[in-house]
Protein backbone atom coordinates (compact mmCIF):
# COMPACT_ATOMS: atom_id res chain seq x y z
CA MET A 1 1.16 21.60 -28.29
CA LYS A 2 -0.40 25.02 -27.57
CA TYR A 3 0.05 26.28 -24.01
CA GLN A 4 -2.26 29.37 -24.23
CA ASN A 5 -3.17 30.62 -20.73
CA ARG A 6 -3.18 27.23 -19.07
CA LEU A 7 -0.85 26.29 -16.21
CA SER A 8 2.04 24.64 -18.01
CA SER A 9 4.55 22.08 -16.81
CA ASP A 10 7.12 19.73 -18.21
CA TYR A 11 5.53 16.96 -16.11
CA LEU A 12 2.07 16.90 -14.59
CA VAL A 13 1.69 14.24 -11.89
CA ILE A 14 -1.89 13.28 -11.04
CA GLY A 15 -2.27 12.30 -7.40
CA CYS A 16 -0.32 13.68 -4.43
CA GLY A 17 0.06 10.54 -2.34
CA VAL A 18 3.39 9.04 -1.38
CA VAL A 19 3.94 7.63 -4.89
CA GLY A 20 3.07 10.86 -6.69
CA LEU A 21 5.30 12.89 -4.36
CA SER A 22 8.14 10.38 -4.75
CA ILE A 23 7.89 10.62 -8.54
CA GLY A 24 7.97 14.41 -8.31
CA ILE A 25 11.03 14.29 -6.05
CA ALA A 26 12.80 11.90 -8.43
CA LEU A 27 12.09 14.15 -11.43
CA LEU A 28 13.45 17.28 -9.76
CA SER A 29 16.40 15.52 -8.13
CA GLY A 30 17.48 14.40 -11.58
CA ASN A 31 16.90 17.78 -13.24
CA PRO A 32 16.20 20.85 -11.06
CA ARG A 33 15.31 22.92 -14.15
CA LEU A 34 12.17 20.94 -14.82
CA LYS A 35 8.73 22.37 -14.16
CA VAL A 36 6.92 19.68 -12.17
CA ARG A 37 3.38 20.10 -10.91
CA ILE A 38 1.27 17.65 -8.89
CA VAL A 39 -2.51 17.87 -9.08
CA GLU A 40 -4.49 16.59 -6.08
CA LYS A 41 -8.28 16.27 -6.12
CA GLU A 42 -8.61 16.66 -2.35
CA SER A 43 -8.07 19.81 -0.27
CA TYR A 44 -5.34 18.21 1.86
CA LEU A 45 -2.93 15.28 1.70
CA GLY A 46 -3.30 11.82 3.19
CA LEU A 47 -7.08 11.52 2.92
CA HIS A 48 -6.85 8.13 1.20
CA ALA A 49 -4.39 5.20 1.11
CA SER A 50 -1.20 7.16 1.83
CA GLY A 51 -2.59 8.44 5.11
CA ARG A 52 -4.57 5.36 6.09
CA ASN A 53 -1.95 2.63 5.88
CA SER A 54 -0.56 0.75 8.88
CA GLY A 55 2.58 2.90 9.22
CA VAL A 56 4.78 -0.21 9.04
CA LEU A 57 8.15 0.02 7.31
CA HIS A 58 8.28 -3.44 5.81
CA ALA A 59 11.59 -5.26 5.48
CA GLY A 60 10.93 -6.87 2.07
CA PHE A 61 11.02 -10.63 2.64
CA TYR A 62 7.44 -11.48 1.63
CA TYR A 63 7.77 -10.76 -2.06
CA SER A 64 8.79 -12.91 -5.03
CA PRO A 65 12.42 -12.17 -5.89
CA GLU A 66 11.58 -11.24 -9.49
CA SER A 67 8.95 -8.70 -8.42
CA LEU A 68 9.22 -4.93 -8.31
CA LYS A 69 8.07 -5.12 -4.69
CA ALA A 70 11.12 -7.17 -3.78
CA LYS A 71 13.34 -4.82 -5.79
CA PHE A 72 12.22 -1.69 -3.96
CA CYS A 73 10.97 -2.61 -0.47
CA ARG A 74 14.33 -3.13 1.24
CA GLU A 75 15.82 0.00 -0.33
CA GLY A 76 12.62 1.94 0.35
CA ASN A 77 12.82 1.03 4.04
CA GLN A 78 16.26 2.64 4.20
CA GLU A 79 15.30 5.68 2.10
CA LEU A 80 12.19 6.38 4.16
CA ARG A 81 14.27 6.30 7.34
CA LYS A 82 16.68 8.87 5.84
CA LEU A 83 13.79 11.13 4.90
CA ALA A 84 12.27 10.77 8.37
CA LYS A 85 15.58 11.64 10.01
CA LYS A 86 16.02 14.70 7.78
CA TYR A 87 12.60 16.06 8.76
CA GLN A 88 12.63 14.82 12.36
CA VAL A 89 9.79 12.35 11.88
CA PRO A 90 10.01 9.65 14.57
CA VAL A 91 10.73 6.07 13.49
CA ARG A 92 10.77 3.18 15.98
CA ASN A 93 12.70 0.11 14.95
CA VAL A 94 10.52 -2.34 16.87
CA GLY A 95 11.14 -5.37 14.65
CA LYS A 96 8.69 -8.12 13.77
CA VAL A 97 8.15 -11.77 14.64
CA VAL A 98 6.36 -14.02 12.15
CA VAL A 99 4.83 -16.95 14.00
CA ALA A 100 3.39 -20.26 12.81
CA ARG A 101 0.05 -21.61 13.96
CA ASN A 102 0.42 -25.17 12.67
CA GLU A 103 2.77 -27.54 10.88
CA SER A 104 1.85 -26.25 7.42
CA GLU A 105 2.73 -22.67 8.37
CA ASN A 106 5.87 -23.86 10.14
CA LEU A 107 7.12 -25.39 6.90
CA ARG A 108 6.37 -22.19 4.98
CA LEU A 109 8.72 -20.26 7.25
CA ASP A 110 11.56 -21.83 5.25
CA ASP A 111 10.14 -20.34 2.04
CA LEU A 112 10.03 -16.87 3.59
CA LEU A 113 13.60 -17.24 4.83
CA GLU A 114 14.73 -18.28 1.35
CA ARG A 115 13.02 -15.24 -0.15
CA ALA A 116 14.69 -12.99 2.40
CA ILE A 117 18.12 -14.36 1.50
CA THR A 118 17.46 -13.89 -2.23
CA ASN A 119 16.08 -10.37 -1.66
CA GLY A 120 19.05 -9.36 0.52
CA VAL A 121 16.88 -8.87 3.61
CA ASP A 122 18.09 -9.57 7.14
CA LEU A 123 15.85 -12.32 8.59
CA GLU A 124 16.55 -15.01 11.16
CA LEU A 125 14.84 -18.31 11.94
CA PHE A 126 14.67 -19.50 15.57
CA ASN A 127 13.17 -22.34 17.57
CA ALA A 128 10.06 -21.56 19.60
CA SER A 129 12.01 -21.62 22.87
CA LYS A 130 13.70 -18.33 21.85
CA LEU A 131 10.43 -16.45 21.21
CA LYS A 132 10.25 -15.20 24.81
CA ASP A 133 13.50 -13.31 24.20
CA PHE A 134 11.87 -11.33 21.37
CA GLU A 135 8.15 -11.14 22.18
CA PRO A 136 7.13 -12.88 25.43
CA LEU A 137 3.39 -12.50 24.77
CA ALA A 138 3.43 -14.21 21.37
CA LYS A 139 3.16 -17.94 20.72
CA THR A 140 4.27 -20.10 17.83
CA TYR A 141 4.35 -23.67 16.57
CA GLU A 142 7.94 -24.98 16.74
CA ARG A 143 9.69 -22.03 15.04
CA PHE A 144 9.40 -18.32 14.20
CA LEU A 145 11.08 -15.65 12.09
CA TRP A 146 12.68 -12.47 13.43
CA SER A 147 12.83 -9.37 11.21
CA PRO A 148 15.09 -6.74 12.84
CA SER A 149 14.64 -4.08 10.14
CA THR A 150 10.84 -3.78 10.37
CA GLY A 151 9.86 -0.44 11.90
CA ILE A 152 6.95 1.91 12.41
CA SER A 153 6.32 5.59 11.74
CA ASP A 154 3.39 7.96 11.22
CA PRO A 155 1.99 7.97 7.66
CA ASN A 156 0.72 11.54 7.72
CA SER A 157 4.01 12.90 9.08
CA ILE A 158 5.85 11.09 6.29
CA ILE A 159 3.50 12.59 3.69
CA GLN A 160 4.21 16.07 5.04
CA ALA A 161 7.95 15.38 4.91
CA LEU A 162 7.66 14.28 1.28
CA LYS A 163 5.63 17.39 0.51
CA VAL A 164 8.27 19.69 2.02
CA GLU A 165 11.03 17.83 0.15
CA PHE A 166 9.17 18.13 -3.17
CA GLU A 167 8.41 21.82 -2.72
CA SER A 168 11.96 22.57 -1.57
CA LEU A 169 13.16 21.24 -4.93
CA GLY A 170 10.84 23.65 -6.77
CA GLY A 171 7.78 21.46 -7.20
CA VAL A 172 4.26 22.90 -7.17
CA ILE A 173 1.08 21.29 -5.80
CA ASN A 174 -2.45 22.23 -6.86
CA TYR A 175 -5.28 21.11 -4.57
CA THR A 176 -8.99 20.45 -5.28
CA ASP A 177 -8.39 19.90 -8.98
CA GLU A 178 -9.92 16.74 -10.41
CA ILE A 179 -8.86 16.16 -13.99
CA THR A 180 -9.34 13.61 -16.75
CA LEU A 181 -7.29 12.58 -19.75
CA ASP A 182 -8.06 12.14 -23.44
CA VAL A 183 -6.15 11.61 -26.68
CA LYS A 184 -6.06 14.28 -29.42
CA ASP A 185 -3.81 14.38 -32.47
CA ASN A 186 -1.85 11.40 -31.14
CA GLU A 187 -1.11 13.16 -27.84
CA VAL A 188 -2.53 12.69 -24.38
CA ILE A 189 -4.20 15.88 -23.16
CA GLU A 190 -5.85 17.05 -19.95
CA THR A 191 -9.50 17.81 -20.66
CA THR A 192 -10.42 20.53 -18.13
CA HIS A 193 -8.30 23.03 -20.10
CA ARG A 194 -6.70 24.19 -16.86
CA PHE A 195 -3.37 22.38 -17.12
CA VAL A 196 -1.05 21.35 -19.91
CA ALA A 197 2.15 19.32 -19.82
CA LYS A 198 4.65 17.65 -22.08
CA HIS A 199 4.17 14.40 -20.15
CA TYR A 200 1.42 13.19 -17.81
CA ILE A 201 2.09 10.77 -14.97
CA ASN A 202 -0.98 9.10 -13.51
CA ALA A 203 -0.31 8.25 -9.86
CA ALA A 204 -3.92 8.58 -8.75
CA GLY A 205 -3.95 5.47 -6.55
CA ALA A 206 -7.40 3.94 -6.36
CA GLN A 207 -8.52 6.18 -9.24
CA ALA A 208 -5.55 5.43 -11.52
CA ASP A 209 -7.25 2.76 -13.61
CA ARG A 210 -10.28 5.00 -14.11
CA LEU A 211 -8.06 7.71 -15.62
CA SER A 212 -6.03 5.30 -17.72
CA ARG A 213 -9.07 3.50 -19.09
CA LYS A 214 -10.22 6.78 -20.68
CA ILE A 215 -7.27 6.57 -23.07
CA GLY A 216 -7.28 2.81 -23.55
CA VAL A 217 -4.67 1.83 -20.95
CA GLY A 218 -5.29 -0.96 -18.45
CA ARG A 219 -8.57 -2.23 -19.85
CA GLU A 220 -7.46 -5.78 -19.11
CA PHE A 221 -7.87 -4.96 -15.39
CA ALA A 222 -10.77 -4.24 -13.07
CA MET A 223 -10.63 -2.73 -9.60
CA VAL A 224 -12.01 -4.65 -6.61
CA PRO A 225 -11.69 -2.62 -3.39
CA PHE A 226 -11.13 -4.41 -0.07
CA MET A 227 -11.80 -2.66 3.23
CA GLY A 228 -9.24 -2.97 6.00
CA VAL A 229 -10.53 -2.39 9.51
CA TYR A 230 -8.36 -2.19 12.63
CA ARG A 231 -9.21 -2.12 16.34
CA ALA A 232 -6.86 -0.58 18.90
CA THR A 233 -6.08 -0.57 22.60
CA ALA A 234 -3.39 1.02 24.74
CA THR A 235 -0.06 -0.79 25.05
CA SER A 236 -0.54 -0.59 28.83
CA LYS A 237 -3.38 -3.09 28.41
CA LEU A 238 -1.50 -5.31 25.94
CA PRO A 239 2.24 -4.62 26.37
CA ILE A 240 3.70 -6.25 23.28
CA GLN A 241 7.14 -5.05 22.24
CA ARG A 242 7.26 -6.27 18.63
CA LEU A 243 4.95 -6.51 15.67
CA VAL A 244 3.44 -10.00 15.52
CA TYR A 245 2.37 -11.44 12.15
CA PRO A 246 1.13 -14.83 10.98
CA VAL A 247 2.58 -16.66 8.00
CA PRO A 248 0.80 -15.04 5.01
CA HIS A 249 -1.70 -16.91 2.87
CA ILE A 250 -0.03 -18.99 0.20
CA VAL A 251 -2.12 -17.50 -2.67
CA ASN A 252 -4.10 -14.43 -1.59
CA PRO A 253 -2.20 -11.08 -1.43
CA PHE A 254 -3.14 -10.32 2.18
CA LEU A 255 -0.94 -10.70 5.26
CA GLY A 256 -3.73 -11.86 7.58
CA VAL A 257 -4.81 -10.48 10.94
CA HIS A 258 -1.74 -9.26 12.84
CA LEU A 259 -0.71 -7.03 15.72
CA THR A 260 1.05 -3.75 15.07
CA LEU A 261 2.26 -0.88 17.22
CA THR A 262 1.83 2.86 16.71
CA LEU A 263 3.91 5.84 17.73
CA ASP A 264 1.18 6.99 20.13
CA ASP A 265 1.46 3.79 22.21
CA LYS A 266 -1.44 1.84 20.76
CA VAL A 267 -1.66 -1.81 19.75
CA LYS A 268 -3.75 -2.50 16.65
CA ILE A 269 -5.31 -5.81 15.62
CA GLY A 270 -6.43 -6.35 12.03
CA PRO A 271 -6.92 -5.71 9.25
CA THR A 272 -9.89 -7.28 7.58
CA ALA A 273 -9.85 -7.74 3.79
CA ILE A 274 -13.54 -7.43 3.01
CA PRO A 275 -14.70 -6.80 -0.61
CA ILE A 276 -16.76 -3.61 -0.84
CA ALA A 277 -18.47 -1.59 -3.57
CA GLY A 278 -16.50 1.66 -3.54
CA ARG A 279 -12.82 2.42 -3.85
CA GLU A 280 -13.21 5.34 -1.41
CA GLN A 281 -15.97 3.75 0.68
CA TYR A 282 -14.97 4.41 4.28
CA SER A 283 -18.56 4.20 5.49
CA THR A 284 -21.68 2.36 4.36
CA PHE A 285 -23.38 5.10 2.35
CA THR A 286 -20.56 7.25 1.01
CA GLY A 287 -17.51 6.87 -1.21
CA TRP A 288 -18.95 4.64 -3.92
CA SER A 289 -20.45 5.11 -7.36
CA PHE A 290 -22.22 2.97 -9.93
CA ASN A 291 -19.00 2.95 -11.92
CA ASP A 292 -17.25 1.49 -8.86
CA ILE A 293 -19.92 -1.18 -8.53
CA ASN A 294 -19.63 -2.07 -12.22
CA GLN A 295 -15.85 -2.46 -11.90
CA THR A 296 -16.18 -4.52 -8.73
CA LEU A 297 -18.71 -6.86 -10.36
CA LYS A 298 -16.43 -7.32 -13.37
CA GLY A 299 -13.49 -8.16 -11.15
CA VAL A 300 -15.41 -10.50 -8.86
CA SER A 301 -16.98 -12.26 -11.84
CA SER A 302 -13.53 -12.88 -13.30
CA ILE A 303 -12.22 -14.24 -9.99
CA VAL A 304 -15.19 -16.59 -9.67
CA ARG A 305 -14.93 -17.85 -13.27
CA HIS A 306 -11.26 -18.76 -12.95
CA ASP A 307 -9.42 -20.92 -10.45
CA ALA A 308 -6.56 -18.63 -9.39
CA HIS A 309 -8.31 -17.78 -6.11
CA ASP A 310 -11.13 -19.21 -4.03
CA PHE A 311 -13.34 -16.14 -3.68
CA GLY A 312 -15.84 -18.04 -1.56
CA SER A 313 -13.06 -18.85 0.89
CA ILE A 314 -12.10 -15.17 1.07
CA LEU A 315 -15.69 -14.22 1.90
CA ARG A 316 -16.05 -16.94 4.51
CA SER A 317 -12.78 -15.91 6.11
CA GLU A 318 -13.18 -12.14 6.04
CA PHE A 319 -16.82 -11.21 6.65
CA PRO A 320 -16.91 -12.60 10.21
CA LYS A 321 -14.08 -10.20 11.08
CA PHE A 322 -16.52 -7.31 10.92
CA GLN A 323 -17.43 -8.54 14.38
CA LEU A 324 -14.94 -7.65 17.09
CA LYS A 325 -15.26 -11.11 18.65
CA SER A 326 -14.02 -12.80 15.49
CA LEU A 327 -11.15 -10.34 15.01
CA VAL A 328 -10.05 -10.82 18.63
CA ARG A 329 -10.26 -14.59 18.34
CA GLU A 330 -7.99 -14.64 15.28
CA ALA A 331 -5.49 -12.23 16.82
CA SER A 332 -5.40 -14.35 19.98
CA GLU A 333 -3.97 -17.22 17.93
CA LEU A 334 -0.80 -15.11 17.76
CA VAL A 335 -0.94 -13.39 21.16
CA PRO A 336 -3.27 -15.20 23.61
CA ASN A 337 -3.49 -12.17 25.95
CA VAL A 338 -5.60 -10.38 23.33
CA ILE A 339 -8.58 -12.24 24.81
CA ASP A 340 -8.07 -10.46 28.15
CA VAL A 341 -8.51 -6.95 26.70
CA SER A 342 -12.06 -5.75 27.28
CA LYS A 343 -12.04 -2.43 25.45
CA TRP A 344 -11.11 -1.86 21.82
CA SER A 345 -11.55 1.37 19.85
CA LYS A 346 -12.17 1.58 16.12
CA LYS A 347 -9.47 3.00 13.90
CA PRO A 348 -10.24 4.79 10.61
CA PRO A 349 -10.63 2.11 7.93
CA GLY A 350 -8.49 1.89 4.83
CA VAL A 351 -9.23 0.57 1.36
CA ARG A 352 -6.88 -1.66 -0.60
CA ALA A 353 -7.53 -0.92 -4.27
CA GLN A 354 -6.86 -4.39 -5.62
CA LEU A 355 -6.48 -4.90 -9.37
CA VAL A 356 -7.86 -8.06 -10.94
CA HIS A 357 -6.46 -9.32 -14.24
CA LEU A 358 -9.68 -10.03 -16.14
CA PRO A 359 -8.37 -12.70 -18.58
CA THR A 360 -7.09 -14.89 -15.72
CA GLY A 361 -9.02 -13.82 -12.62
CA LYS A 362 -5.76 -13.26 -10.73
CA LEU A 363 -5.41 -10.66 -8.00
CA VAL A 364 -2.46 -8.60 -9.21
CA GLN A 365 0.33 -8.85 -6.64
CA ASP A 366 3.05 -6.61 -8.07
CA PHE A 367 3.38 -2.95 -9.00
CA ILE A 368 2.12 -2.21 -12.52
CA VAL A 369 3.37 0.70 -14.65
CA SER A 370 2.15 1.26 -18.24
CA SER A 371 3.01 3.90 -20.82
CA HIS A 372 0.98 5.33 -23.70
CA LEU A 373 2.04 8.22 -25.93
CA ASN A 374 3.10 11.11 -23.65
CA SER A 375 1.71 9.51 -20.49
CA THR A 376 2.75 7.01 -17.80
CA HIS A 377 0.31 5.18 -15.53
CA VAL A 378 0.98 3.63 -12.12
CA LEU A 379 -1.89 1.18 -12.08
CA ASN A 380 -1.01 -0.85 -9.01
CA ALA A 381 1.07 0.34 -6.06
CA VAL A 382 -0.53 -1.34 -3.06
CA SER A 383 1.37 -2.59 0.00
CA PRO A 384 4.30 -2.18 0.41
CA GLY A 385 3.78 0.92 -1.73
CA TRP A 386 4.32 3.22 1.26
CA THR A 387 7.65 1.61 2.19
CA SER A 388 8.79 1.32 -1.43
CA ALA A 389 7.69 4.75 -2.62
CA LEU A 390 11.02 6.60 -2.94
CA PRO A 391 12.98 4.04 -5.02
CA PHE A 392 9.79 3.13 -6.90
CA GLY A 393 9.41 6.80 -7.85
CA LYS A 394 12.97 6.77 -9.22
CA TYR A 395 12.14 3.64 -11.21
CA VAL A 396 9.08 5.26 -12.78
CA VAL A 397 11.13 8.30 -13.78
CA GLU A 398 14.01 6.24 -15.17
CA ASN A 399 11.58 4.33 -17.38
CA LEU A 400 9.56 7.24 -18.72
CA THR A 401 8.81 6.94 -22.42
CA LEU A 402 9.31 10.45 -23.80
């Protein structure tokens, strides 16, 4: 490999979100002599998923025990708190109640409790009469779950803390550099001729599959983006004390409309999970490309052809939530007082970059990491990617194929 006048590194990480930064931190923590560089296509951090997530530190009881999400969420919750404390980023340990709306959901509370026990997560099951002791404004059918280790923080403050940690270890970040990969002489190379590395780590979030596909990795997947929209009001108008969630859908990888709190004393209701054209489409006319549309159509076509998910049901459930009235109505099934709030403000939308496995039509629900030659690709790191980032970054580094 000829270095010439290009910026050289031992490891070049593509994407400076929470996962890319966590990978960089793990590399340098293990070997401070390494040259580690992160390349970010934007001019500042947190413009996309890492800065637009809910800010919830998840406890880790939703996920299948054999999954990477289950493996890293509980530990990630603890690691993120340590990082926040080190850099004086506020964390509020508000806790979460998961409430049932009917008998079917009530029975599924037992499944969530069983997962929590298997995953080593602190979770308690109570009769409905105890709910007023945890969240007086919520309602439930017969029983509810209490998660004491669920917390909230500020996503952008956490990103800045990760950035400072990475740079304090000797890491370097380059902004406004958008690169692509190719294969030459049985090695992965970076094609702008600006950077060179011994190993490339693709942590480009919603763009990761686009990069990997260039070198033949991840072609069995397509990307279908889903827009998440929240509305917010002041806690003085809706004074809930805890996060309030429904029992998640039994098949689809979305947690449903819920109520969350923010550090600036807001209550949010949402999100939606509406299929859209572009993986960075935060408004109607920007953030999409014909390549995005092609990928979305491939993914949707696969979902429709197979029976893993009822895509029609997703559309019927989600599109009405574009209207505030529908979003409020669904949130009021958890906290009836939502109906009494007259003024809601829009929050910046987020996009869940959801992989679809084309041969089966399944929405991929776990983290996906693939290797090829001198490159590693994080193809799927959606929720709870923010909570899980630090131990997940260690995992990626420990499993590098060099």
